[in-house]
Amino acid sequence: MTEALWALIGVLVGTFGTGLFNLHAQRRQFEHNKEMFLLQNRSAEVVKQLLSDMLNHKTNIDRSFSALRTPIGGFTDDQIRVFLHDIGAKKVPRDDGAEWWYLLARQEERLARKQAAA
């Protein structure tokens, strides 16, 4: 009976130890993969941050696409539009055919300003 109990304890300790080791290894692998992804996509993340900063400006809620595109180089217009969608921006066509963008998070502020101006 004692040998069987020790064998059971050994199996349980081994299983628990293996599980902890695998959990630790998976966490390290996830952190490594995340860091590699961010390094490989750093330029896109910088562009998204720049676009977000421009659209979060205190006084300018809406921005024209040409104004958003001006400080960004190395990306096509379509790639910039994808980045705008990624940060939660919405496209608004104007009567003159110009393309303007704003953040959905600032939609209430935008509507309040339009009502105040009218």
PDB file of N, CA and C in Angstrom:
ATOM      1  N   MET A   1       0.810  -1.189   0.000  1.00  0.00           N
ATOM      2  CA  MET A   1       0.000   0.000   0.000  1.00  0.00           C
ATOM      3  C   MET A   1       0.856   1.256   0.000  1.00  0.00           C
ATOM      4  N   THR A   2       1.930   1.234   0.732  1.00  0.00           N
ATOM      5  CA  THR A   2       2.791   2.395   0.822  1.00  0.00           C
ATOM      6  C   THR A   2       3.455   2.675  -0.515  1.00  0.00           C
ATOM      7  N   GLU A   3       3.875   1.623  -1.193  1.00  0.00           N
ATOM      8  CA  GLU A   3       4.514   1.812  -2.500  1.00  0.00           C
ATOM      9  C   GLU A   3       3.528   2.398  -3.508  1.00  0.00           C
ATOM     10  N   ALA A   4       2.305   1.953  -3.474  1.00  0.00           N
ATOM     11  CA  ALA A   4       1.290   2.476  -4.389  1.00  0.00           C
ATOM     12  C   ALA A   4       1.005   3.940  -4.079  1.00  0.00           C
ATOM     13  N   LEU A   5       0.968   4.301  -2.814  1.00  0.00           N
ATOM     14  CA  LEU A   5       0.733   5.688  -2.422  1.00  0.00           C
ATOM     15  C   LEU A   5       1.877   6.579  -2.878  1.00  0.00           C
ATOM     16  N   TRP A   6       3.100   6.126  -2.697  1.00  0.00           N
ATOM     17  CA  TRP A   6       4.263   6.898  -3.153  1.00  0.00           C
ATOM     18  C   TRP A   6       4.281   7.027  -4.680  1.00  0.00           C
ATOM     19  N   ALA A   7       3.875   6.002  -5.367  1.00  0.00           N
ATOM     20  CA  ALA A   7       3.811   6.064  -6.829  1.00  0.00           C
ATOM     21  C   ALA A   7       2.770   7.092  -7.271  1.00  0.00           C
ATOM     22  N   LEU A   8       1.619   7.105  -6.595  1.00  0.00           N
ATOM     23  CA  LEU A   8       0.575   8.066  -6.909  1.00  0.00           C
ATOM     24  C   LEU A   8       1.049   9.497  -6.629  1.00  0.00           C
ATOM     25  N   ILE A   9       1.708   9.706  -5.509  1.00  0.00           N
ATOM     26  CA  ILE A   9       2.242  11.032  -5.167  1.00  0.00           C
ATOM     27  C   ILE A   9       3.273  11.454  -6.212  1.00  0.00           C
ATOM     28  N   GLY A  10       4.128  10.524  -6.617  1.00  0.00           N
ATOM     29  CA  GLY A  10       5.126  10.832  -7.643  1.00  0.00           C
ATOM     30  C   GLY A  10       4.494  11.235  -8.960  1.00  0.00           C
ATOM     31  N   VAL A  11       3.447  10.543  -9.357  1.00  0.00           N
ATOM     32  CA  VAL A  11       2.746  10.868 -10.597  1.00  0.00           C
ATOM     33  C   VAL A  11       2.093  12.246 -10.489  1.00  0.00           C
ATOM     34  N   LEU A  12       1.456  12.533  -9.370  1.00  0.00           N
ATOM     35  CA  LEU A  12       0.798  13.822  -9.180  1.00  0.00           C
ATOM     36  C   LEU A  12       1.804  14.975  -9.156  1.00  0.00           C
ATOM     37  N   VAL A  13       2.909  14.795  -8.452  1.00  0.00           N
ATOM     38  CA  VAL A  13       3.941  15.843  -8.401  1.00  0.00           C
ATOM     39  C   VAL A  13       4.551  16.039  -9.786  1.00  0.00           C
ATOM     40  N   GLY A  14       4.801  14.973 -10.483  1.00  0.00           N
ATOM     41  CA  GLY A  14       5.365  15.067 -11.832  1.00  0.00           C
ATOM     42  C   GLY A  14       4.412  15.774 -12.783  1.00  0.00           C
ATOM     43  N   THR A  15       3.145  15.431 -12.708  1.00  0.00           N
ATOM     44  CA  THR A  15       2.147  16.069 -13.569  1.00  0.00           C
ATOM     45  C   THR A  15       2.031  17.552 -13.252  1.00  0.00           C
ATOM     46  N   PHE A  16       1.961  17.892 -11.971  1.00  0.00           N
ATOM     47  CA  PHE A  16       1.856  19.287 -11.557  1.00  0.00           C
ATOM     48  C   PHE A  16       3.106  20.073 -11.973  1.00  0.00           C
ATOM     49  N   GLY A  17       4.273  19.496 -11.773  1.00  0.00           N
ATOM     50  CA  GLY A  17       5.525  20.164 -12.164  1.00  0.00           C
ATOM     51  C   GLY A  17       5.611  20.372 -13.673  1.00  0.00           C
ATOM     52  N   THR A  18       5.222  19.376 -14.433  1.00  0.00           N
ATOM     53  CA  THR A  18       5.235  19.496 -15.889  1.00  0.00           C
ATOM     54  C   THR A  18       4.257  20.570 -16.347  1.00  0.00           C
ATOM     55  N   GLY A  19       3.081  20.625 -15.731  1.00  0.00           N
ATOM     56  CA  GLY A  19       2.091  21.644 -16.078  1.00  0.00           C
ATOM     57  C   GLY A  19       2.611  23.048 -15.800  1.00  0.00           C
ATOM     58  N   LEU A  20       3.246  23.240 -14.648  1.00  0.00           N
ATOM     59  CA  LEU A  20       3.810  24.555 -14.329  1.00  0.00           C
ATOM     60  C   LEU A  20       4.917  24.945 -15.304  1.00  0.00           C
ATOM     61  N   PHE A  21       5.766  23.993 -15.632  1.00  0.00           N
ATOM     62  CA  PHE A  21       6.847  24.271 -16.572  1.00  0.00           C
ATOM     63  C   PHE A  21       6.279  24.651 -17.946  1.00  0.00           C
ATOM     64  N   ASN A  22       5.292  23.904 -18.424  1.00  0.00           N
ATOM     65  CA  ASN A  22       4.679  24.196 -19.726  1.00  0.00           C
ATOM     66  C   ASN A  22       3.984  25.556 -19.722  1.00  0.00           C
ATOM     67  N   LEU A  23       3.307  25.900 -18.635  1.00  0.00           N
ATOM     68  CA  LEU A  23       2.663  27.198 -18.523  1.00  0.00           C
ATOM     69  C   LEU A  23       3.690  28.324 -18.605  1.00  0.00           C
ATOM     70  N   HIS A  24       4.769  28.173 -17.895  1.00  0.00           N
ATOM     71  CA  HIS A  24       5.841  29.184 -17.932  1.00  0.00           C
ATOM     72  C   HIS A  24       6.441  29.292 -19.335  1.00  0.00           C
ATOM     73  N   ALA A  25       6.674  28.177 -19.983  1.00  0.00           N
ATOM     74  CA  ALA A  25       7.249  28.185 -21.329  1.00  0.00           C
ATOM     75  C   ALA A  25       6.291  28.834 -22.330  1.00  0.00           C
ATOM     76  N   GLN A  26       5.022  28.564 -22.207  1.00  0.00           N
ATOM     77  CA  GLN A  26       4.039  29.166 -23.109  1.00  0.00           C
ATOM     78  C   GLN A  26       3.942  30.668 -22.905  1.00  0.00           C
ATOM     79  N   ARG A  27       4.006  31.129 -21.669  1.00  0.00           N
ATOM     80  CA  ARG A  27       3.981  32.575 -21.411  1.00  0.00           C
ATOM     81  C   ARG A  27       5.195  33.261 -22.017  1.00  0.00           C
ATOM     82  N   ARG A  28       6.353  32.660 -21.860  1.00  0.00           N
ATOM     83  CA  ARG A  28       7.566  33.246 -22.445  1.00  0.00           C
ATOM     84  C   ARG A  28       7.476  33.259 -23.965  1.00  0.00           C
ATOM     85  N   GLN A  29       6.945  32.207 -24.557  1.00  0.00           N
ATOM     86  CA  GLN A  29       6.797  32.148 -26.011  1.00  0.00           C
ATOM     87  C   GLN A  29       5.825  33.211 -26.490  1.00  0.00           C
ATOM     88  N   PHE A  30       4.717  33.408 -25.769  1.00  0.00           N
ATOM     89  CA  PHE A  30       3.747  34.432 -26.134  1.00  0.00           C
ATOM     90  C   PHE A  30       4.374  35.825 -26.073  1.00  0.00           C
ATOM     91  N   GLU A  31       5.096  36.120 -25.010  1.00  0.00           N
ATOM     92  CA  GLU A  31       5.747  37.428 -24.887  1.00  0.00           C
ATOM     93  C   GLU A  31       6.764  37.639 -26.004  1.00  0.00           C
ATOM     94  N   HIS A  32       7.497  36.595 -26.351  1.00  0.00           N
ATOM     95  CA  HIS A  32       8.472  36.691 -27.434  1.00  0.00           C
ATOM     96  C   HIS A  32       7.766  36.956 -28.768  1.00  0.00           C
ATOM     97  N   ASN A  33       6.699  36.222 -29.045  1.00  0.00           N
ATOM     98  CA  ASN A  33       5.951  36.418 -30.295  1.00  0.00           C
ATOM     99  C   ASN A  33       5.359  37.821 -30.366  1.00  0.00           C
ATOM    100  N   LYS A  34       4.851  38.304 -29.244  1.00  0.00           N
ATOM    101  CA  LYS A  34       4.284  39.654 -29.205  1.00  0.00           C
ATOM    102  C   LYS A  34       5.364  40.694 -29.482  1.00  0.00           C
ATOM    103  N   GLU A  35       6.513  40.551 -28.874  1.00  0.00           N
ATOM    104  CA  GLU A  35       7.613  41.488 -29.090  1.00  0.00           C
ATOM    105  C   GLU A  35       8.092  41.456 -30.540  1.00  0.00           C
ATOM    106  N   MET A  36       8.186  40.285 -31.124  1.00  0.00           N
ATOM    107  CA  MET A  36       8.619  40.170 -32.521  1.00  0.00           C
ATOM    108  C   MET A  36       7.592  40.805 -33.451  1.00  0.00           C
ATOM    109  N   PHE A  37       6.309  40.617 -33.190  1.00  0.00           N
ATOM    110  CA  PHE A  37       5.265  41.229 -34.005  1.00  0.00           C
ATOM    111  C   PHE A  37       5.373  42.747 -33.942  1.00  0.00           C
ATOM    112  N   LEU A  38       5.542  43.286 -32.742  1.00  0.00           N
ATOM    113  CA  LEU A  38       5.643  44.733 -32.599  1.00  0.00           C
ATOM    114  C   LEU A  38       6.891  45.278 -33.287  1.00  0.00           C
ATOM    115  N   LEU A  39       7.988  44.547 -33.222  1.00  0.00           N
ATOM    116  CA  LEU A  39       9.203  44.994 -33.913  1.00  0.00           C
ATOM    117  C   LEU A  39       9.023  44.983 -35.425  1.00  0.00           C
ATOM    118  N   GLN A  40       8.357  43.967 -35.940  1.00  0.00           N
ATOM    119  CA  GLN A  40       8.152  43.860 -37.373  1.00  0.00           C
ATOM    120  C   GLN A  40       7.145  44.884 -37.888  1.00  0.00           C
ATOM    121  N   ASN A  41       6.230  45.318 -37.036  1.00  0.00           N
ATOM    122  CA  ASN A  41       5.181  46.238 -37.455  1.00  0.00           C
ATOM    123  C   ASN A  41       5.303  47.604 -36.781  1.00  0.00           C
ATOM    124  N   ARG A  42       6.501  47.956 -36.380  1.00  0.00           N
ATOM    125  CA  ARG A  42       6.715  49.201 -35.661  1.00  0.00           C
ATOM    126  C   ARG A  42       6.304  50.414 -36.486  1.00  0.00           C
ATOM    127  N   SER A  43       6.638  50.438 -37.759  1.00  0.00           N
ATOM    128  CA  SER A  43       6.315  51.609 -38.577  1.00  0.00           C
ATOM    129  C   SER A  43       4.808  51.796 -38.684  1.00  0.00           C
ATOM    130  N   ALA A  44       4.073  50.703 -38.817  1.00  0.00           N
ATOM    131  CA  ALA A  44       2.615  50.810 -38.882  1.00  0.00           C
ATOM    132  C   ALA A  44       2.060  51.300 -37.554  1.00  0.00           C
ATOM    133  N   GLU A  45       2.624  50.862 -36.453  1.00  0.00           N
ATOM    134  CA  GLU A  45       2.154  51.306 -35.143  1.00  0.00           C
ATOM    135  C   GLU A  45       2.446  52.788 -34.931  1.00  0.00           C
ATOM    136  N   VAL A  46       3.578  53.244 -35.425  1.00  0.00           N
ATOM    137  CA  VAL A  46       3.910  54.673 -35.316  1.00  0.00           C
ATOM    138  C   VAL A  46       2.926  55.500 -36.135  1.00  0.00           C
ATOM    139  N   VAL A  47       2.590  55.028 -37.321  1.00  0.00           N
ATOM    140  CA  VAL A  47       1.620  55.744 -38.169  1.00  0.00           C
ATOM    141  C   VAL A  47       0.258  55.778 -37.485  1.00  0.00           C
ATOM    142  N   LYS A  48      -0.166  54.669 -36.904  1.00  0.00           N
ATOM    143  CA  LYS A  48      -1.456  54.640 -36.211  1.00  0.00           C
ATOM    144  C   LYS A  48      -1.458  55.617 -35.035  1.00  0.00           C
ATOM    145  N   GLN A  49      -0.351  55.691 -34.307  1.00  0.00           N
ATOM    146  CA  GLN A  49      -0.278  56.622 -33.192  1.00  0.00           C
ATOM    147  C   GLN A  49      -0.341  58.065 -33.675  1.00  0.00           C
ATOM    148  N   LEU A  50       0.347  58.352 -34.775  1.00  0.00           N
ATOM    149  CA  LEU A  50       0.323  59.702 -35.348  1.00  0.00           C
ATOM    150  C   LEU A  50      -1.091  60.078 -35.789  1.00  0.00           C
ATOM    151  N   LEU A  51      -1.761  59.175 -36.472  1.00  0.00           N
ATOM    152  CA  LEU A  51      -3.133  59.437 -36.909  1.00  0.00           C
ATOM    153  C   LEU A  51      -4.065  59.640 -35.716  1.00  0.00           C
ATOM    154  N   SER A  52      -3.896  58.822 -34.701  1.00  0.00           N
ATOM    155  CA  SER A  52      -4.713  58.944 -33.502  1.00  0.00           C
ATOM    156  C   SER A  52      -4.482  60.289 -32.816  1.00  0.00           C
ATOM    157  N   ASP A  53      -3.226  60.701 -32.724  1.00  0.00           N
ATOM    158  CA  ASP A  53      -2.919  62.000 -32.123  1.00  0.00           C
ATOM    159  C   ASP A  53      -3.533  63.141 -32.921  1.00  0.00           C
ATOM    160  N   MET A  54      -3.473  63.055 -34.233  1.00  0.00           N
ATOM    161  CA  MET A  54      -4.050  64.113 -35.070  1.00  0.00           C
ATOM    162  C   MET A  54      -5.568  64.188 -34.910  1.00  0.00           C
ATOM    163  N   LEU A  55      -6.213  63.036 -34.793  1.00  0.00           N
ATOM    164  CA  LEU A  55      -7.673  63.023 -34.674  1.00  0.00           C
ATOM    165  C   LEU A  55      -8.150  63.278 -33.245  1.00  0.00           C
ATOM    166  N   ASN A  56      -7.246  63.219 -32.274  1.00  0.00           N
ATOM    167  CA  ASN A  56      -7.589  63.525 -30.887  1.00  0.00           C
ATOM    168  C   ASN A  56      -7.245  64.958 -30.513  1.00  0.00           C
ATOM    169  N   HIS A  57      -6.894  65.775 -31.485  1.00  0.00           N
ATOM    170  CA  HIS A  57      -6.535  67.164 -31.221  1.00  0.00           C
ATOM    171  C   HIS A  57      -7.699  67.891 -30.555  1.00  0.00           C
ATOM    172  N   LYS A  58      -7.376  68.828 -29.644  1.00  0.00           N
ATOM    173  CA  LYS A  58      -8.419  69.530 -28.894  1.00  0.00           C
ATOM    174  C   LYS A  58      -9.401  70.278 -29.785  1.00  0.00           C
ATOM    175  N   THR A  59      -8.869  71.013 -30.749  1.00  0.00           N
ATOM    176  CA  THR A  59      -9.737  71.895 -31.531  1.00  0.00           C
ATOM    177  C   THR A  59     -10.215  71.282 -32.834  1.00  0.00           C
ATOM    178  N   ASN A  60      -9.462  70.364 -33.407  1.00  0.00           N
ATOM    179  CA  ASN A  60      -9.834  69.772 -34.698  1.00  0.00           C
ATOM    180  C   ASN A  60     -10.370  68.367 -34.496  1.00  0.00           C
ATOM    181  N   ILE A  61     -11.681  68.241 -34.563  1.00  0.00           N
ATOM    182  CA  ILE A  61     -12.288  66.915 -34.428  1.00  0.00           C
ATOM    183  C   ILE A  61     -12.212  66.185 -35.762  1.00  0.00           C
ATOM    184  N   ASP A  62     -12.549  66.881 -36.845  1.00  0.00           N
ATOM    185  CA  ASP A  62     -12.497  66.309 -38.192  1.00  0.00           C
ATOM    186  C   ASP A  62     -11.177  66.728 -38.838  1.00  0.00           C
ATOM    187  N   ARG A  63     -10.659  65.857 -39.664  1.00  0.00           N
ATOM    188  CA  ARG A  63      -9.469  66.194 -40.455  1.00  0.00           C
ATOM    189  C   ARG A  63      -9.678  65.689 -41.872  1.00  0.00           C
ATOM    190  N   SER A  64      -9.190  66.459 -42.821  1.00  0.00           N
ATOM    191  CA  SER A  64      -9.269  66.007 -44.206  1.00  0.00           C
ATOM    192  C   SER A  64      -8.244  64.903 -44.417  1.00  0.00           C
ATOM    193  N   PHE A  65      -8.533  64.043 -45.370  1.00  0.00           N
ATOM    194  CA  PHE A  65      -7.611  62.959 -45.647  1.00  0.00           C
ATOM    195  C   PHE A  65      -6.264  63.499 -46.122  1.00  0.00           C
ATOM    196  N   SER A  66      -6.292  64.577 -46.887  1.00  0.00           N
ATOM    197  CA  SER A  66      -5.018  65.142 -47.359  1.00  0.00           C
ATOM    198  C   SER A  66      -4.190  65.662 -46.186  1.00  0.00           C
ATOM    199  N   ALA A  67      -4.833  66.216 -45.159  1.00  0.00           N
ATOM    200  CA  ALA A  67      -4.093  66.667 -43.977  1.00  0.00           C
ATOM    201  C   ALA A  67      -3.532  65.484 -43.195  1.00  0.00           C
ATOM    202  N   LEU A  68      -4.288  64.399 -43.130  1.00  0.00           N
ATOM    203  CA  LEU A  68      -3.817  63.206 -42.423  1.00  0.00           C
ATOM    204  C   LEU A  68      -2.688  62.516 -43.181  1.00  0.00           C
ATOM    205  N   ARG A  69      -2.738  62.576 -44.487  1.00  0.00           N
ATOM    206  CA  ARG A  69      -1.755  61.893 -45.325  1.00  0.00           C
ATOM    207  C   ARG A  69      -0.421  62.636 -45.385  1.00  0.00           C
ATOM    208  N   THR A  70      -0.446  63.952 -45.201  1.00  0.00           N
ATOM    209  CA  THR A  70       0.738  64.781 -45.405  1.00  0.00           C
ATOM    210  C   THR A  70       1.960  64.340 -44.585  1.00  0.00           C
ATOM    211  N   PRO A  71       1.854  64.105 -43.266  1.00  0.00           N
ATOM    212  CA  PRO A  71       3.065  63.760 -42.512  1.00  0.00           C
ATOM    213  C   PRO A  71       3.500  62.296 -42.637  1.00  0.00           C
ATOM    214  N   ILE A  72       2.757  61.513 -43.398  1.00  0.00           N
ATOM    215  CA  ILE A  72       3.041  60.077 -43.492  1.00  0.00           C
ATOM    216  C   ILE A  72       3.675  59.766 -44.834  1.00  0.00           C
ATOM    217  N   GLY A  73       4.784  59.073 -44.798  1.00  0.00           N
ATOM    218  CA  GLY A  73       5.439  58.655 -46.024  1.00  0.00           C
ATOM    219  C   GLY A  73       5.637  57.150 -46.034  1.00  0.00           C
ATOM    220  N   GLY A  74       5.737  56.588 -47.205  1.00  0.00           N
ATOM    221  CA  GLY A  74       6.020  55.161 -47.320  1.00  0.00           C
ATOM    222  C   GLY A  74       4.806  54.264 -47.313  1.00  0.00           C
ATOM    223  N   PHE A  75       3.622  54.834 -47.247  1.00  0.00           N
ATOM    224  CA  PHE A  75       2.402  54.037 -47.263  1.00  0.00           C
ATOM    225  C   PHE A  75       1.464  54.585 -48.328  1.00  0.00           C
ATOM    226  N   THR A  76       0.708  53.710 -48.947  1.00  0.00           N
ATOM    227  CA  THR A  76      -0.254  54.136 -49.958  1.00  0.00           C
ATOM    228  C   THR A  76      -1.479  54.721 -49.270  1.00  0.00           C
ATOM    229  N   ASP A  77      -2.305  55.401 -50.046  1.00  0.00           N
ATOM    230  CA  ASP A  77      -3.531  55.976 -49.508  1.00  0.00           C
ATOM    231  C   ASP A  77      -4.443  54.892 -48.932  1.00  0.00           C
ATOM    232  N   ASP A  78      -4.516  53.760 -49.615  1.00  0.00           N
ATOM    233  CA  ASP A  78      -5.366  52.675 -49.125  1.00  0.00           C
ATOM    234  C   ASP A  78      -4.843  52.104 -47.806  1.00  0.00           C
ATOM    235  N   GLN A  79      -3.532  52.004 -47.650  1.00  0.00           N
ATOM    236  CA  GLN A  79      -2.965  51.533 -46.388  1.00  0.00           C
ATOM    237  C   GLN A  79      -3.277  52.514 -45.260  1.00  0.00           C
ATOM    238  N   ILE A  80      -3.209  53.805 -45.564  1.00  0.00           N
ATOM    239  CA  ILE A  80      -3.529  54.815 -44.555  1.00  0.00           C
ATOM    240  C   ILE A  80      -4.996  54.716 -44.158  1.00  0.00           C
ATOM    241  N   ARG A  81      -5.864  54.457 -45.125  1.00  0.00           N
ATOM    242  CA  ARG A  81      -7.288  54.283 -44.810  1.00  0.00           C
ATOM    243  C   ARG A  81      -7.515  53.065 -43.909  1.00  0.00           C
ATOM    244  N   VAL A  82      -6.766  51.997 -44.148  1.00  0.00           N
ATOM    245  CA  VAL A  82      -6.871  50.812 -43.286  1.00  0.00           C
ATOM    246  C   VAL A  82      -6.419  51.164 -41.873  1.00  0.00           C
ATOM    247  N   PHE A  83      -5.324  51.922 -41.749  1.00  0.00           N
ATOM    248  CA  PHE A  83      -4.860  52.349 -40.433  1.00  0.00           C
ATOM    249  C   PHE A  83      -5.916  53.199 -39.732  1.00  0.00           C
ATOM    250  N   LEU A  84      -6.583  54.059 -40.482  1.00  0.00           N
ATOM    251  CA  LEU A  84      -7.635  54.892 -39.906  1.00  0.00           C
ATOM    252  C   LEU A  84      -8.782  54.028 -39.373  1.00  0.00           C
ATOM    253  N   HIS A  85      -9.150  52.997 -40.122  1.00  0.00           N
ATOM    254  CA  HIS A  85     -10.187  52.087 -39.644  1.00  0.00           C
ATOM    255  C   HIS A  85      -9.715  51.337 -38.411  1.00  0.00           C
ATOM    256  N   ASP A  86      -8.438  50.963 -38.383  1.00  0.00           N
ATOM    257  CA  ASP A  86      -7.895  50.232 -37.243  1.00  0.00           C
ATOM    258  C   ASP A  86      -7.965  51.041 -35.952  1.00  0.00           C
ATOM    259  N   ILE A  87      -7.802  52.354 -36.033  1.00  0.00           N
ATOM    260  CA  ILE A  87      -7.835  53.169 -34.817  1.00  0.00           C
ATOM    261  C   ILE A  87      -9.250  53.621 -34.454  1.00  0.00           C
ATOM    262  N   GLY A  88     -10.231  53.246 -35.252  1.00  0.00           N
ATOM    263  CA  GLY A  88     -11.614  53.565 -34.934  1.00  0.00           C
ATOM    264  C   GLY A  88     -12.088  54.876 -35.530  1.00  0.00           C
ATOM    265  N   ALA A  89     -11.593  55.201 -36.709  1.00  0.00           N
ATOM    266  CA  ALA A  89     -12.009  56.431 -37.375  1.00  0.00           C
ATOM    267  C   ALA A  89     -13.103  56.129 -38.389  1.00  0.00           C
ATOM    268  N   LYS A  90     -13.881  57.161 -38.675  1.00  0.00           N
ATOM    269  CA  LYS A  90     -14.977  57.027 -39.631  1.00  0.00           C
ATOM    270  C   LYS A  90     -14.807  58.065 -40.727  1.00  0.00           C
ATOM    271  N   LYS A  91     -15.069  57.639 -41.954  1.00  0.00           N
ATOM    272  CA  LYS A  91     -14.969  58.512 -43.127  1.00  0.00           C
ATOM    273  C   LYS A  91     -16.278  59.261 -43.313  1.00  0.00           C
ATOM    274  N   VAL A  92     -16.133  60.572 -43.593  1.00  0.00           N
ATOM    275  CA  VAL A  92     -17.303  61.404 -43.841  1.00  0.00           C
ATOM    276  C   VAL A  92     -17.070  62.166 -45.135  1.00  0.00           C
ATOM    277  N   PRO A  93     -17.838  61.872 -46.179  1.00  0.00           N
ATOM    278  CA  PRO A  93     -17.694  62.656 -47.415  1.00  0.00           C
ATOM    279  C   PRO A  93     -18.351  64.024 -47.250  1.00  0.00           C
ATOM    280  N   ARG A  94     -17.731  65.027 -47.799  1.00  0.00           N
ATOM    281  CA  ARG A  94     -18.291  66.381 -47.749  1.00  0.00           C
ATOM    282  C   ARG A  94     -18.975  66.686 -49.071  1.00  0.00           C
ATOM    283  N   ASP A  95     -19.727  67.786 -49.098  1.00  0.00           N
ATOM    284  CA  ASP A  95     -20.457  68.184 -50.302  1.00  0.00           C
ATOM    285  C   ASP A  95     -19.527  68.479 -51.468  1.00  0.00           C
ATOM    286  N   ASP A  96     -18.330  68.979 -51.162  1.00  0.00           N
ATOM    287  CA  ASP A  96     -17.382  69.322 -52.227  1.00  0.00           C
ATOM    288  C   ASP A  96     -16.591  68.107 -52.718  1.00  0.00           C
ATOM    289  N   GLY A  97     -16.895  66.923 -52.197  1.00  0.00           N
ATOM    290  CA  GLY A  97     -16.221  65.705 -52.623  1.00  0.00           C
ATOM    291  C   GLY A  97     -14.984  65.372 -51.805  1.00  0.00           C
ATOM    292  N   ALA A  98     -14.634  66.238 -50.858  1.00  0.00           N
ATOM    293  CA  ALA A  98     -13.458  65.985 -50.023  1.00  0.00           C
ATOM    294  C   ALA A  98     -13.750  64.855 -49.032  1.00  0.00           C
ATOM    295  N   GLU A  99     -12.715  64.159 -48.676  1.00  0.00           N
ATOM    296  CA  GLU A  99     -12.818  63.027 -47.755  1.00  0.00           C
ATOM    297  C   GLU A  99     -12.315  63.471 -46.386  1.00  0.00           C
ATOM    298  N   TRP A 100     -13.166  63.420 -45.366  1.00  0.00           N
ATOM    299  CA  TRP A 100     -12.815  63.824 -44.020  1.00  0.00           C
ATOM    300  C   TRP A 100     -12.989  62.639 -43.086  1.00  0.00           C
ATOM    301  N   TRP A 101     -12.232  62.641 -41.986  1.00  0.00           N
ATOM    302  CA  TRP A 101     -12.238  61.545 -41.039  1.00  0.00           C
ATOM    303  C   TRP A 101     -12.364  62.096 -39.625  1.00  0.00           C
ATOM    304  N   TYR A 102     -13.001  61.317 -38.752  1.00  0.00           N
ATOM    305  CA  TYR A 102     -13.053  61.637 -37.321  1.00  0.00           C
ATOM    306  C   TYR A 102     -13.095  60.328 -36.536  1.00  0.00           C
ATOM    307  N   LEU A 103     -12.756  60.406 -35.259  1.00  0.00           N
ATOM    308  CA  LEU A 103     -12.791  59.227 -34.411  1.00  0.00           C
ATOM    309  C   LEU A 103     -14.214  58.996 -33.911  1.00  0.00           C
ATOM    310  N   LEU A 104     -14.656  57.751 -33.942  1.00  0.00           N
ATOM    311  CA  LEU A 104     -15.995  57.416 -33.457  1.00  0.00           C
ATOM    312  C   LEU A 104     -16.139  57.753 -31.972  1.00  0.00           C
ATOM    313  N   ALA A 105     -15.044  57.703 -31.235  1.00  0.00           N
ATOM    314  CA  ALA A 105     -15.089  58.035 -29.814  1.00  0.00           C
ATOM    315  C   ALA A 105     -15.442  59.506 -29.586  1.00  0.00           C
ATOM    316  N   ARG A 106     -15.254  60.346 -30.588  1.00  0.00           N
ATOM    317  CA  ARG A 106     -15.534  61.777 -30.467  1.00  0.00           C
ATOM    318  C   ARG A 106     -16.799  62.174 -31.223  1.00  0.00           C
ATOM    319  N   GLN A 107     -17.651  61.220 -31.550  1.00  0.00           N
ATOM    320  CA  GLN A 107     -18.844  61.489 -32.339  1.00  0.00           C
ATOM    321  C   GLN A 107     -19.809  62.430 -31.612  1.00  0.00           C
ATOM    322  N   GLU A 108     -20.006  62.228 -30.316  1.00  0.00           N
ATOM    323  CA  GLU A 108     -20.914  63.099 -29.568  1.00  0.00           C
ATOM    324  C   GLU A 108     -20.394  64.535 -29.530  1.00  0.00           C
ATOM    325  N   GLU A 109     -19.098  64.669 -29.314  1.00  0.00           N
ATOM    326  CA  GLU A 109     -18.495  66.000 -29.308  1.00  0.00           C
ATOM    327  C   GLU A 109     -18.647  66.668 -30.671  1.00  0.00           C
ATOM    328  N   ARG A 110     -18.492  65.893 -31.709  1.00  0.00           N
ATOM    329  CA  ARG A 110     -18.621  66.412 -33.073  1.00  0.00           C
ATOM    330  C   ARG A 110     -20.045  66.899 -33.328  1.00  0.00           C
ATOM    331  N   LEU A 111     -21.025  66.090 -32.940  1.00  0.00           N
ATOM    332  CA  LEU A 111     -22.419  66.483 -33.131  1.00  0.00           C
ATOM    333  C   LEU A 111     -22.786  67.708 -32.299  1.00  0.00           C
ATOM    334  N   ALA A 112     -22.264  67.804 -31.086  1.00  0.00           N
ATOM    335  CA  ALA A 112     -22.535  68.962 -30.243  1.00  0.00           C
ATOM    336  C   ALA A 112     -21.971  70.234 -30.854  1.00  0.00           C
ATOM    337  N   ARG A 113     -20.798  70.157 -31.432  1.00  0.00           N
ATOM    338  CA  ARG A 113     -20.209  71.326 -32.077  1.00  0.00           C
ATOM    339  C   ARG A 113     -20.985  71.734 -33.321  1.00  0.00           C
ATOM    340  N   LYS A 114     -21.464  70.743 -34.074  1.00  0.00           N
ATOM    341  CA  LYS A 114     -22.244  71.067 -35.272  1.00  0.00           C
ATOM    342  C   LYS A 114     -23.560  71.736 -34.886  1.00  0.00           C
ATOM    343  N   GLN A 115     -24.192  71.284 -33.828  1.00  0.00           N
ATOM    344  CA  GLN A 115     -25.442  71.875 -33.379  1.00  0.00           C
ATOM    345  C   GLN A 115     -25.218  73.284 -32.843  1.00  0.00           C
ATOM    346  N   ALA A 116     -24.101  73.494 -32.166  1.00  0.00           N
ATOM    347  CA  ALA A 116     -23.795  74.817 -31.632  1.00  0.00           C
ATOM    348  C   ALA A 116     -23.499  75.804 -32.750  1.00  0.00           C
ATOM    349  N   ALA A 117     -22.894  75.305 -33.841  1.00  0.00           N
ATOM    350  CA  ALA A 117     -22.548  76.174 -34.968  1.00  0.00           C
ATOM    351  C   ALA A 117     -23.788  76.509 -35.811  1.00  0.00           C
ATOM    352  N   ALA A 118     -24.792  75.666 -35.766  1.00  0.00           N
ATOM    353  CA  ALA A 118     -25.994  75.876 -36.594  1.00  0.00           C
ATOM    354  C   ALA A 118     -26.965  76.848 -35.989  1.00  0.00           C
TER     355      ALA A 118
END
